């Protein structure tokens, strides 16, 4: 039986469905990826990982859907107007 191979995906970010497809395809060939799809999702999606990194990154906001310029301006007002 061939020795298991462990891989680290280090490239352009994939959508979660594409990452899961890659993870499953490599697994079927005996290649394990260090980050499973849940770990990848946690690292990729800011609303999920922000509580973990909040003390080590600039204040961050995110809006869902198509917020429009007025909602964007309202949400970002707390950042001030310094250039």
PDB file of N, CA and C in Angstrom:
ATOM      1  N   UNK A   1       0.847  -1.179   0.000  1.00  0.00           N
ATOM      2  CA  UNK A   1       0.000   0.000   0.000  1.00  0.00           C
ATOM      3  C   UNK A   1       0.897   1.248   0.000  1.00  0.00           C
ATOM      4  N   UNK A   2       0.623   2.213  -0.907  1.00  0.00           N
ATOM      5  CA  UNK A   2       1.459   3.417  -0.961  1.00  0.00           C
ATOM      6  C   UNK A   2       1.319   4.254   0.313  1.00  0.00           C
ATOM      7  N   UNK A   3       2.400   4.952   0.623  1.00  0.00           N
ATOM      8  CA  UNK A   3       2.400   5.819   1.797  1.00  0.00           C
ATOM      9  C   UNK A   3       1.462   7.008   1.560  1.00  0.00           C
ATOM     10  N   UNK A   4       0.726   7.400   2.597  1.00  0.00           N
ATOM     11  CA  UNK A   4      -0.184   8.535   2.484  1.00  0.00           C
ATOM     12  C   UNK A   4       0.610   9.815   2.239  1.00  0.00           C
ATOM     13  N   UNK A   5       0.036  10.700   1.461  1.00  0.00           N
ATOM     14  CA  UNK A   5       0.654  11.974   1.142  1.00  0.00           C
ATOM     15  C   UNK A   5      -0.202  13.073   1.759  1.00  0.00           C
ATOM     16  N   UNK A   6       0.440  14.049   2.368  1.00  0.00           N
ATOM     17  CA  UNK A   6      -0.268  15.169   2.968  1.00  0.00           C
ATOM     18  C   UNK A   6       0.063  16.423   2.174  1.00  0.00           C
ATOM     19  N   UNK A   7      -0.943  17.201   1.825  1.00  0.00           N
ATOM     20  CA  UNK A   7      -0.739  18.389   0.998  1.00  0.00           C
ATOM     21  C   UNK A   7      -1.277  19.633   1.699  1.00  0.00           C
ATOM     22  N   UNK A   8      -0.726  20.751   1.308  1.00  0.00           N
ATOM     23  CA  UNK A   8      -1.189  22.066   1.754  1.00  0.00           C
ATOM     24  C   UNK A   8      -1.571  22.841   0.503  1.00  0.00           C
ATOM     25  N   UNK A   9      -2.822  23.297   0.422  1.00  0.00           N
ATOM     26  CA  UNK A   9      -3.261  24.082  -0.728  1.00  0.00           C
ATOM     27  C   UNK A   9      -2.802  25.511  -0.515  1.00  0.00           C
ATOM     28  N   UNK A  10      -1.957  25.997  -1.424  1.00  0.00           N
ATOM     29  CA  UNK A  10      -1.415  27.352  -1.319  1.00  0.00           C
ATOM     30  C   UNK A  10      -1.498  27.994  -2.695  1.00  0.00           C
ATOM     31  N   UNK A  11      -2.626  28.629  -2.938  1.00  0.00           N
ATOM     32  CA  UNK A  11      -2.855  29.240  -4.249  1.00  0.00           C
ATOM     33  C   UNK A  11      -4.037  30.183  -4.121  1.00  0.00           C
ATOM     34  N   UNK A  12      -4.595  30.583  -5.245  1.00  0.00           N
ATOM     35  CA  UNK A  12      -5.742  31.466  -5.259  1.00  0.00           C
ATOM     36  C   UNK A  12      -6.893  30.838  -4.482  1.00  0.00           C
ATOM     37  N   UNK A  13      -7.653  31.685  -3.812  1.00  0.00           N
ATOM     38  CA  UNK A  13      -8.768  31.172  -3.015  1.00  0.00           C
ATOM     39  C   UNK A  13      -9.848  30.576  -3.907  1.00  0.00           C
ATOM     40  N   UNK A  14     -10.335  29.458  -3.488  1.00  0.00           N
ATOM     41  CA  UNK A  14     -11.436  28.797  -4.175  1.00  0.00           C
ATOM     42  C   UNK A  14     -12.722  29.068  -3.407  1.00  0.00           C
ATOM     43  N   UNK A  15     -13.842  28.981  -4.115  1.00  0.00           N
ATOM     44  CA  UNK A  15     -15.116  29.008  -3.407  1.00  0.00           C
ATOM     45  C   UNK A  15     -15.176  27.739  -2.548  1.00  0.00           C
ATOM     46  N   UNK A  16     -15.994  27.752  -1.519  1.00  0.00           N
ATOM     47  CA  UNK A  16     -16.087  26.573  -0.659  1.00  0.00           C
ATOM     48  C   UNK A  16     -16.517  25.326  -1.440  1.00  0.00           C
ATOM     49  N   UNK A  17     -17.509  25.406  -2.355  1.00  0.00           N
ATOM     50  CA  UNK A  17     -17.850  24.194  -3.116  1.00  0.00           C
ATOM     51  C   UNK A  17     -16.676  23.677  -3.965  1.00  0.00           C
ATOM     52  N   UNK A  18     -15.901  24.578  -4.561  1.00  0.00           N
ATOM     53  CA  UNK A  18     -14.753  24.133  -5.356  1.00  0.00           C
ATOM     54  C   UNK A  18     -13.653  23.549  -4.463  1.00  0.00           C
ATOM     55  N   UNK A  19     -13.450  24.140  -3.298  1.00  0.00           N
ATOM     56  CA  UNK A  19     -12.457  23.598  -2.371  1.00  0.00           C
ATOM     57  C   UNK A  19     -12.868  22.189  -1.945  1.00  0.00           C
ATOM     58  N   UNK A  20     -14.151  22.022  -1.636  1.00  0.00           N
ATOM     59  CA  UNK A  20     -14.641  20.708  -1.211  1.00  0.00           C
ATOM     60  C   UNK A  20     -14.438  19.677  -2.335  1.00  0.00           C
ATOM     61  N   UNK A  21     -14.707  20.087  -3.588  1.00  0.00           N
ATOM     62  CA  UNK A  21     -14.487  19.184  -4.720  1.00  0.00           C
ATOM     63  C   UNK A  21     -13.014  18.785  -4.827  1.00  0.00           C
ATOM     64  N   UNK A  22     -12.110  19.774  -4.680  1.00  0.00           N
ATOM     65  CA  UNK A  22     -10.679  19.486  -4.740  1.00  0.00           C
ATOM     66  C   UNK A  22     -10.275  18.558  -3.593  1.00  0.00           C
ATOM     67  N   UNK A  23     -10.762  18.868  -2.398  1.00  0.00           N
ATOM     68  CA  UNK A  23     -10.451  18.070  -1.211  1.00  0.00           C
ATOM     69  C   UNK A  23     -10.888  16.616  -1.415  1.00  0.00           C
ATOM     70  N   UNK A  24     -12.111  16.431  -1.900  1.00  0.00           N
ATOM     71  CA  UNK A  24     -12.628  15.076  -2.118  1.00  0.00           C
ATOM     72  C   UNK A  24     -11.866  14.359  -3.232  1.00  0.00           C
ATOM     73  N   UNK A  25     -11.554  15.065  -4.326  1.00  0.00           N
ATOM     74  CA  UNK A  25     -10.835  14.449  -5.441  1.00  0.00           C
ATOM     75  C   UNK A  25      -9.428  14.021  -5.024  1.00  0.00           C
ATOM     76  N   UNK A  26      -8.741  14.886  -4.280  1.00  0.00           N
ATOM     77  CA  UNK A  26      -7.406  14.508  -3.812  1.00  0.00           C
ATOM     78  C   UNK A  26      -7.481  13.359  -2.822  1.00  0.00           C
ATOM     79  N   UNK A  27      -8.478  13.394  -1.939  1.00  0.00           N
ATOM     80  CA  UNK A  27      -8.652  12.301  -0.976  1.00  0.00           C
ATOM     81  C   UNK A  27      -8.868  10.964  -1.670  1.00  0.00           C
ATOM     82  N   UNK A  28      -9.611  10.971  -2.780  1.00  0.00           N
ATOM     83  CA  UNK A  28      -9.852   9.744  -3.535  1.00  0.00           C
ATOM     84  C   UNK A  28      -8.556   9.201  -4.146  1.00  0.00           C
ATOM     85  N   UNK A  29      -7.557  10.064  -4.314  1.00  0.00           N
ATOM     86  CA  UNK A  29      -6.257   9.644  -4.846  1.00  0.00           C
ATOM     87  C   UNK A  29      -5.234   9.386  -3.731  1.00  0.00           C
ATOM     88  N   UNK A  30      -5.699   9.425  -2.475  1.00  0.00           N
ATOM     89  CA  UNK A  30      -4.805   9.147  -1.361  1.00  0.00           C
ATOM     90  C   UNK A  30      -4.009  10.344  -0.879  1.00  0.00           C
ATOM     91  N   UNK A  31      -4.430  11.550  -1.291  1.00  0.00           N
ATOM     92  CA  UNK A  31      -3.745  12.771  -0.867  1.00  0.00           C
ATOM     93  C   UNK A  31      -4.634  13.479   0.147  1.00  0.00           C
ATOM     94  N   UNK A  32      -4.124  13.645   1.344  1.00  0.00           N
ATOM     95  CA  UNK A  32      -4.855  14.369   2.371  1.00  0.00           C
ATOM     96  C   UNK A  32      -4.458  15.834   2.364  1.00  0.00           C
ATOM     97  N   UNK A  33      -5.441  16.716   2.437  1.00  0.00           N
ATOM     98  CA  UNK A  33      -5.165  18.152   2.494  1.00  0.00           C
ATOM     99  C   UNK A  33      -5.215  18.566   3.963  1.00  0.00           C
ATOM    100  N   UNK A  34      -4.243  19.361   4.388  1.00  0.00           N
ATOM    101  CA  UNK A  34      -4.122  19.730   5.804  1.00  0.00           C
ATOM    102  C   UNK A  34      -5.401  20.347   6.345  1.00  0.00           C
ATOM    103  N   UNK A  35      -5.998  21.277   5.576  1.00  0.00           N
ATOM    104  CA  UNK A  35      -7.226  21.935   6.032  1.00  0.00           C
ATOM    105  C   UNK A  35      -8.437  21.278   5.402  1.00  0.00           C
ATOM    106  N   UNK A  36      -9.295  20.686   6.242  1.00  0.00           N
ATOM    107  CA  UNK A  36     -10.520  20.127   5.706  1.00  0.00           C
ATOM    108  C   UNK A  36     -11.471  21.269   5.321  1.00  0.00           C
ATOM    109  N   UNK A  37     -12.558  20.983   4.607  1.00  0.00           N
ATOM    110  CA  UNK A  37     -13.445  22.050   4.164  1.00  0.00           C
ATOM    111  C   UNK A  37     -13.979  22.941   5.290  1.00  0.00           C
ATOM    112  N   UNK A  38     -14.207  22.406   6.467  1.00  0.00           N
ATOM    113  CA  UNK A  38     -14.673  23.246   7.584  1.00  0.00           C
ATOM    114  C   UNK A  38     -13.599  24.235   8.022  1.00  0.00           C
ATOM    115  N   UNK A  39     -12.358  23.784   8.093  1.00  0.00           N
ATOM    116  CA  UNK A  39     -11.256  24.686   8.462  1.00  0.00           C
ATOM    117  C   UNK A  39     -11.047  25.741   7.378  1.00  0.00           C
ATOM    118  N   UNK A  40     -11.176  25.338   6.120  1.00  0.00           N
ATOM    119  CA  UNK A  40     -11.038  26.284   5.011  1.00  0.00           C
ATOM    120  C   UNK A  40     -12.125  27.359   5.086  1.00  0.00           C
ATOM    121  N   UNK A  41     -13.363  26.932   5.332  1.00  0.00           N
ATOM    122  CA  UNK A  41     -14.471  27.885   5.461  1.00  0.00           C
ATOM    123  C   UNK A  41     -14.205  28.864   6.601  1.00  0.00           C
ATOM    124  N   UNK A  42     -13.753  28.363   7.726  1.00  0.00           N
ATOM    125  CA  UNK A  42     -13.490  29.215   8.883  1.00  0.00           C
ATOM    126  C   UNK A  42     -12.422  30.263   8.563  1.00  0.00           C
ATOM    127  N   UNK A  43     -11.390  29.867   7.852  1.00  0.00           N
ATOM    128  CA  UNK A  43     -10.313  30.799   7.525  1.00  0.00           C
ATOM    129  C   UNK A  43     -10.706  31.770   6.424  1.00  0.00           C
ATOM    130  N   UNK A  44     -11.576  31.368   5.518  1.00  0.00           N
ATOM    131  CA  UNK A  44     -11.895  32.173   4.339  1.00  0.00           C
ATOM    132  C   UNK A  44     -12.995  33.195   4.579  1.00  0.00           C
ATOM    133  N   UNK A  45     -13.975  32.877   5.408  1.00  0.00           N
ATOM    134  CA  UNK A  45     -15.143  33.732   5.560  1.00  0.00           C
ATOM    135  C   UNK A  45     -15.025  34.618   6.788  1.00  0.00           C
ATOM    136  N   UNK A  46     -14.798  35.894   6.546  1.00  0.00           N
ATOM    137  CA  UNK A  46     -14.554  36.863   7.609  1.00  0.00           C
ATOM    138  C   UNK A  46     -15.621  36.857   8.710  1.00  0.00           C
ATOM    139  N   UNK A  47     -16.911  36.807   8.393  1.00  0.00           N
ATOM    140  CA  UNK A  47     -17.890  36.803   9.494  1.00  0.00           C
ATOM    141  C   UNK A  47     -17.696  35.632  10.456  1.00  0.00           C
ATOM    142  N   UNK A  48     -17.152  34.549   9.967  1.00  0.00           N
ATOM    143  CA  UNK A  48     -16.939  33.389  10.828  1.00  0.00           C
ATOM    144  C   UNK A  48     -15.640  33.495  11.616  1.00  0.00           C
ATOM    145  N   UNK A  49     -14.566  34.007  11.000  1.00  0.00           N
ATOM    146  CA  UNK A  49     -13.277  34.001  11.700  1.00  0.00           C
ATOM    147  C   UNK A  49     -12.962  35.303  12.423  1.00  0.00           C
ATOM    148  N   UNK A  50     -13.713  36.353  12.181  1.00  0.00           N
ATOM    149  CA  UNK A  50     -13.395  37.646  12.798  1.00  0.00           C
ATOM    150  C   UNK A  50     -13.315  37.587  14.321  1.00  0.00           C
ATOM    151  N   UNK A  51     -14.235  36.903  15.013  1.00  0.00           N
ATOM    152  CA  UNK A  51     -14.091  36.842  16.474  1.00  0.00           C
ATOM    153  C   UNK A  51     -12.753  36.253  16.927  1.00  0.00           C
ATOM    154  N   UNK A  52     -12.181  35.380  16.136  1.00  0.00           N
ATOM    155  CA  UNK A  52     -10.900  34.762  16.480  1.00  0.00           C
ATOM    156  C   UNK A  52      -9.737  35.729  16.297  1.00  0.00           C
ATOM    157  N   UNK A  53      -9.799  36.588  15.277  1.00  0.00           N
ATOM    158  CA  UNK A  53      -8.679  37.471  14.953  1.00  0.00           C
ATOM    159  C   UNK A  53      -8.930  38.934  15.302  1.00  0.00           C
ATOM    160  N   UNK A  54     -10.066  39.241  15.870  1.00  0.00           N
ATOM    161  CA  UNK A  54     -10.472  40.627  16.104  1.00  0.00           C
ATOM    162  C   UNK A  54      -9.413  41.470  16.802  1.00  0.00           C
ATOM    163  N   UNK A  55      -8.752  40.930  17.788  1.00  0.00           N
ATOM    164  CA  UNK A  55      -7.745  41.684  18.516  1.00  0.00           C
ATOM    165  C   UNK A  55      -6.437  41.870  17.757  1.00  0.00           C
ATOM    166  N   UNK A  56      -6.334  41.265  16.578  1.00  0.00           N
ATOM    167  CA  UNK A  56      -5.087  41.285  15.819  1.00  0.00           C
ATOM    168  C   UNK A  56      -5.255  41.830  14.404  1.00  0.00           C
ATOM    169  N   UNK A  57      -6.380  42.452  14.142  1.00  0.00           N
ATOM    170  CA  UNK A  57      -6.648  42.971  12.799  1.00  0.00           C
ATOM    171  C   UNK A  57      -7.453  44.260  12.909  1.00  0.00           C
ATOM    172  N   UNK A  58      -7.386  45.116  11.911  1.00  0.00           N
ATOM    173  CA  UNK A  58      -8.177  46.349  11.975  1.00  0.00           C
ATOM    174  C   UNK A  58      -9.679  46.051  12.111  1.00  0.00           C
ATOM    175  N   UNK A  59     -10.403  46.984  12.693  1.00  0.00           N
ATOM    176  CA  UNK A  59     -11.851  46.844  12.811  1.00  0.00           C
ATOM    177  C   UNK A  59     -12.426  46.593  11.431  1.00  0.00           C
ATOM    178  N   UNK A  60     -13.360  45.714  11.361  1.00  0.00           N
ATOM    179  CA  UNK A  60     -13.881  45.272  10.074  1.00  0.00           C
ATOM    180  C   UNK A  60     -15.398  45.207  10.120  1.00  0.00           C
ATOM    181  N   UNK A  61     -16.021  45.575   9.022  1.00  0.00           N
ATOM    182  CA  UNK A  61     -17.470  45.396   8.876  1.00  0.00           C
ATOM    183  C   UNK A  61     -17.721  44.653   7.571  1.00  0.00           C
ATOM    184  N   UNK A  62     -18.873  44.040   7.448  1.00  0.00           N
ATOM    185  CA  UNK A  62     -19.273  43.429   6.198  1.00  0.00           C
ATOM    186  C   UNK A  62     -20.778  43.571   6.079  1.00  0.00           C
ATOM    187  N   UNK A  63     -21.206  43.656   4.860  1.00  0.00           N
ATOM    188  CA  UNK A  63     -22.617  43.800   4.545  1.00  0.00           C
ATOM    189  C   UNK A  63     -23.014  42.649   3.639  1.00  0.00           C
ATOM    190  N   UNK A  64     -24.235  42.205   3.752  1.00  0.00           N
ATOM    191  CA  UNK A  64     -24.690  41.095   2.923  1.00  0.00           C
ATOM    192  C   UNK A  64     -25.599  41.606   1.817  1.00  0.00           C
ATOM    193  N   UNK A  65     -25.755  40.783   0.813  1.00  0.00           N
ATOM    194  CA  UNK A  65     -26.635  41.126  -0.292  1.00  0.00           C
ATOM    195  C   UNK A  65     -26.065  42.248  -1.136  1.00  0.00           C
ATOM    196  N   UNK A  66     -26.935  43.055  -1.691  1.00  0.00           N
ATOM    197  CA  UNK A  66     -26.543  44.201  -2.509  1.00  0.00           C
ATOM    198  C   UNK A  66     -26.939  45.450  -1.728  1.00  0.00           C
ATOM    199  N   UNK A  67     -26.057  45.939  -0.848  1.00  0.00           N
ATOM    200  CA  UNK A  67     -26.454  46.958   0.124  1.00  0.00           C
ATOM    201  C   UNK A  67     -26.727  48.340  -0.455  1.00  0.00           C
ATOM    202  N   UNK A  68     -26.181  48.675  -1.592  1.00  0.00           N
ATOM    203  CA  UNK A  68     -26.369  50.014  -2.142  1.00  0.00           C
ATOM    204  C   UNK A  68     -25.465  51.025  -1.441  1.00  0.00           C
ATOM    205  N   UNK A  69     -25.217  52.123  -2.112  1.00  0.00           N
ATOM    206  CA  UNK A  69     -24.244  53.108  -1.631  1.00  0.00           C
ATOM    207  C   UNK A  69     -24.662  53.750  -0.313  1.00  0.00           C
ATOM    208  N   UNK A  70     -25.951  54.009  -0.107  1.00  0.00           N
ATOM    209  CA  UNK A  70     -26.382  54.650   1.146  1.00  0.00           C
ATOM    210  C   UNK A  70     -26.093  53.758   2.347  1.00  0.00           C
ATOM    211  N   UNK A  71     -26.385  52.492   2.234  1.00  0.00           N
ATOM    212  CA  UNK A  71     -26.116  51.568   3.343  1.00  0.00           C
ATOM    213  C   UNK A  71     -24.606  51.414   3.567  1.00  0.00           C
ATOM    214  N   UNK A  72     -23.852  51.392   2.497  1.00  0.00           N
ATOM    215  CA  UNK A  72     -22.392  51.308   2.622  1.00  0.00           C
ATOM    216  C   UNK A  72     -21.852  52.533   3.354  1.00  0.00           C
ATOM    217  N   UNK A  73     -22.308  53.707   2.960  1.00  0.00           N
ATOM    218  CA  UNK A  73     -21.843  54.940   3.589  1.00  0.00           C
ATOM    219  C   UNK A  73     -22.237  54.983   5.064  1.00  0.00           C
ATOM    220  N   UNK A  74     -23.459  54.581   5.386  1.00  0.00           N
ATOM    221  CA  UNK A  74     -23.908  54.549   6.786  1.00  0.00           C
ATOM    222  C   UNK A  74     -23.060  53.575   7.605  1.00  0.00           C
ATOM    223  N   UNK A  75     -22.819  52.395   7.063  1.00  0.00           N
ATOM    224  CA  UNK A  75     -22.062  51.368   7.787  1.00  0.00           C
ATOM    225  C   UNK A  75     -20.612  51.776   7.995  1.00  0.00           C
ATOM    226  N   UNK A  76     -20.052  52.513   7.059  1.00  0.00           N
ATOM    227  CA  UNK A  76     -18.639  52.884   7.168  1.00  0.00           C
ATOM    228  C   UNK A  76     -18.418  54.219   7.871  1.00  0.00           C
ATOM    229  N   UNK A  77     -19.478  54.896   8.249  1.00  0.00           N
ATOM    230  CA  UNK A  77     -19.342  56.213   8.896  1.00  0.00           C
ATOM    231  C   UNK A  77     -18.518  56.157  10.180  1.00  0.00           C
ATOM    232  N   UNK A  78     -18.582  55.065  10.891  1.00  0.00           N
ATOM    233  CA  UNK A  78     -17.841  54.928  12.134  1.00  0.00           C
ATOM    234  C   UNK A  78     -16.332  54.867  11.963  1.00  0.00           C
ATOM    235  N   UNK A  79     -15.852  54.733  10.749  1.00  0.00           N
ATOM    236  CA  UNK A  79     -14.421  54.706  10.495  1.00  0.00           C
ATOM    237  C   UNK A  79     -13.826  56.100  10.398  1.00  0.00           C
ATOM    238  N   UNK A  80     -14.674  57.110  10.325  1.00  0.00           N
ATOM    239  CA  UNK A  80     -14.183  58.486  10.227  1.00  0.00           C
ATOM    240  C   UNK A  80     -13.878  58.864   8.793  1.00  0.00           C
ATOM    241  N   UNK A  81     -13.317  60.065   8.630  1.00  0.00           N
ATOM    242  CA  UNK A  81     -13.071  60.559   7.275  1.00  0.00           C
ATOM    243  C   UNK A  81     -11.623  60.937   7.045  1.00  0.00           C
ATOM    244  N   UNK A  82     -10.719  60.337   7.795  1.00  0.00           N
ATOM    245  CA  UNK A  82      -9.287  60.618   7.610  1.00  0.00           C
ATOM    246  C   UNK A  82      -8.819  59.990   6.321  1.00  0.00           C
ATOM    247  N   UNK A  83      -7.919  60.688   5.639  1.00  0.00           N
ATOM    248  CA  UNK A  83      -7.362  60.141   4.402  1.00  0.00           C
ATOM    249  C   UNK A  83      -6.030  59.508   4.662  1.00  0.00           C
TER     250      UNK A  83
END
